[in-house]
Amino acid sequence: MPRNMSFSLTTDQIRNRTKDVTRRLGWRGLMKGQKFWACVKCMGLKPGEKVERLALLECVSNTREMLYKITAEDVRREGFPGMSPGEFMAMFCKHMDATARTIVHRIEFKYVDPV
């Protein structure tokens, strides 16, 4: 059974399929070829709330790198074409309690389910 991954900050980008890379503080064990569900929210659900799945994804690669190594191309692939790498890092650090030197998992994925 594929695991769920939250995309609460980039729900629109997943729905629009303008995102095919994500950076995570965890997910070390996600391997190439492994499938996972993109969800609106996976944890902290209130009583009666259910996991809303957005798309079935497949891992293309999962590598580790320092956050500050993000490129303008990867910012676009993260779903933020109008943002600079510095702006992306500031947003990521604010929401994830990280720094530019934090080692993150750069997960590249493809959409499995049809549009």
Protein backbone atom coordinates (compact mmCIF):
# COMPACT_ATOMS: atom_id res chain seq x y z
CA MET A 1 0.00 0.00 0.00
CA PRO A 2 1.55 3.35 -1.02
CA ARG A 3 2.30 5.83 1.77
CA ASN A 4 0.72 9.28 1.94
CA MET A 5 2.76 12.48 1.56
CA SER A 6 1.27 15.84 2.48
CA PHE A 7 1.28 18.67 -0.04
CA SER A 8 -0.68 21.17 2.07
CA LEU A 9 1.47 24.12 0.94
CA THR A 10 1.46 23.08 -2.72
CA THR A 11 -1.97 21.53 -3.20
CA ASP A 12 -2.73 23.73 -6.24
CA GLN A 13 0.60 22.85 -7.87
CA ILE A 14 -0.18 19.13 -7.54
CA ARG A 15 -3.72 19.59 -8.82
CA ASN A 16 -2.41 21.62 -11.78
CA ARG A 17 0.51 19.19 -12.25
CA THR A 18 3.02 22.02 -12.34
CA LYS A 19 5.15 20.39 -9.63
CA ASP A 20 7.40 17.37 -10.11
CA VAL A 21 10.04 17.97 -7.43
CA THR A 22 9.65 18.35 -3.69
CA ARG A 23 12.07 18.91 -0.83
CA ARG A 24 11.51 17.07 2.44
CA LEU A 25 13.21 16.84 5.82
CA GLY A 26 12.36 13.14 6.00
CA TRP A 27 11.58 10.40 3.49
CA ARG A 28 15.08 8.87 3.42
CA GLY A 29 13.62 5.44 2.64
CA LEU A 30 11.66 6.47 -0.45
CA MET A 31 13.23 4.57 -3.34
CA LYS A 32 13.20 5.01 -7.11
CA GLY A 33 10.10 3.33 -8.54
CA GLN A 34 8.19 3.43 -5.25
CA LYS A 35 4.68 4.88 -5.47
CA PHE A 36 3.12 7.26 -2.95
CA TRP A 37 -0.05 9.31 -2.64
CA ALA A 38 0.03 13.11 -2.77
CA CYS A 39 -2.52 14.29 -0.20
CA VAL A 40 -3.82 17.64 0.98
CA LYS A 41 -3.09 16.76 4.61
CA CYS A 42 -2.04 13.48 6.21
CA MET A 43 -1.52 14.23 9.89
CA GLY A 44 -3.33 16.33 12.47
CA LEU A 45 -6.74 15.55 11.04
CA LYS A 46 -9.66 16.55 13.22
CA PRO A 47 -12.33 14.00 14.16
CA GLY A 48 -14.39 13.24 11.06
CA GLU A 49 -11.79 14.60 8.63
CA LYS A 50 -10.43 12.19 6.04
CA VAL A 51 -7.26 12.12 4.00
CA GLU A 52 -7.91 13.76 0.62
CA ARG A 53 -5.76 12.15 -2.06
CA LEU A 54 -4.70 14.36 -4.96
CA ALA A 55 -2.65 12.06 -7.19
CA LEU A 56 -0.68 8.83 -7.24
CA LEU A 57 3.02 9.61 -7.73
CA GLU A 58 6.11 7.53 -8.45
CA CYS A 59 9.58 8.40 -7.17
CA VAL A 60 12.05 9.05 -9.98
CA SER A 61 14.93 9.91 -7.62
CA ASN A 62 15.58 10.76 -3.98
CA THR A 63 18.86 12.50 -3.24
CA ARG A 64 20.21 14.49 -0.32
CA GLU A 65 21.53 18.03 -0.66
CA MET A 66 21.79 21.25 1.29
CA LEU A 67 18.78 23.48 0.80
CA TYR A 68 20.90 26.40 -0.45
CA LYS A 69 21.85 24.36 -3.54
CA ILE A 70 18.37 24.81 -5.04
CA THR A 71 18.45 26.22 -8.56
CA ALA A 72 16.01 28.53 -10.34
CA GLU A 73 14.97 25.55 -12.49
CA ASP A 74 14.15 23.51 -9.38
CA VAL A 75 12.18 26.40 -7.88
CA ARG A 76 10.08 26.27 -11.06
CA ARG A 77 9.78 22.48 -10.78
CA GLU A 78 8.68 22.92 -7.14
CA GLY A 79 5.72 24.86 -8.58
CA PHE A 80 6.89 28.44 -7.96
CA PRO A 81 7.94 29.86 -11.37
CA GLY A 82 7.90 33.49 -10.19
CA MET A 83 10.02 32.92 -7.11
CA SER A 84 13.80 33.20 -6.78
CA PRO A 85 15.87 30.51 -5.06
CA GLY A 86 16.36 32.87 -2.11
CA GLU A 87 12.64 33.47 -1.79
CA PHE A 88 11.96 29.74 -1.96
CA MET A 89 14.55 29.05 0.74
CA ALA A 90 13.03 31.72 3.00
CA MET A 91 9.55 30.21 2.56
CA PHE A 92 10.81 26.66 3.14
CA CYS A 93 12.79 27.67 6.25
CA LYS A 94 9.82 29.54 7.71
CA HIS A 95 7.42 26.60 7.31
CA MET A 96 9.86 23.78 8.07
CA ASP A 97 12.00 25.31 10.85
CA ALA A 98 15.13 24.84 8.75
CA THR A 99 18.11 26.87 7.56
CA ALA A 100 19.75 27.25 4.16
CA ARG A 101 22.37 24.71 5.30
CA THR A 102 19.81 22.07 6.29
CA ILE A 103 20.23 18.80 4.42
CA VAL A 104 16.98 17.96 2.65
CA HIS A 105 15.77 15.12 0.47
CA ARG A 106 15.20 16.30 -3.08
CA ILE A 107 12.49 14.00 -4.40
CA GLU A 108 11.76 13.99 -8.12
CA PHE A 109 8.51 12.27 -9.06
CA LYS A 110 6.14 11.58 -11.92
CA TYR A 111 2.36 11.36 -12.01
CA VAL A 112 1.07 7.80 -12.34
CA ASP A 113 -2.65 8.39 -12.66
CA PRO A 114 -4.13 9.91 -15.81
CA VAL A 115 -5.16 13.57 -15.84
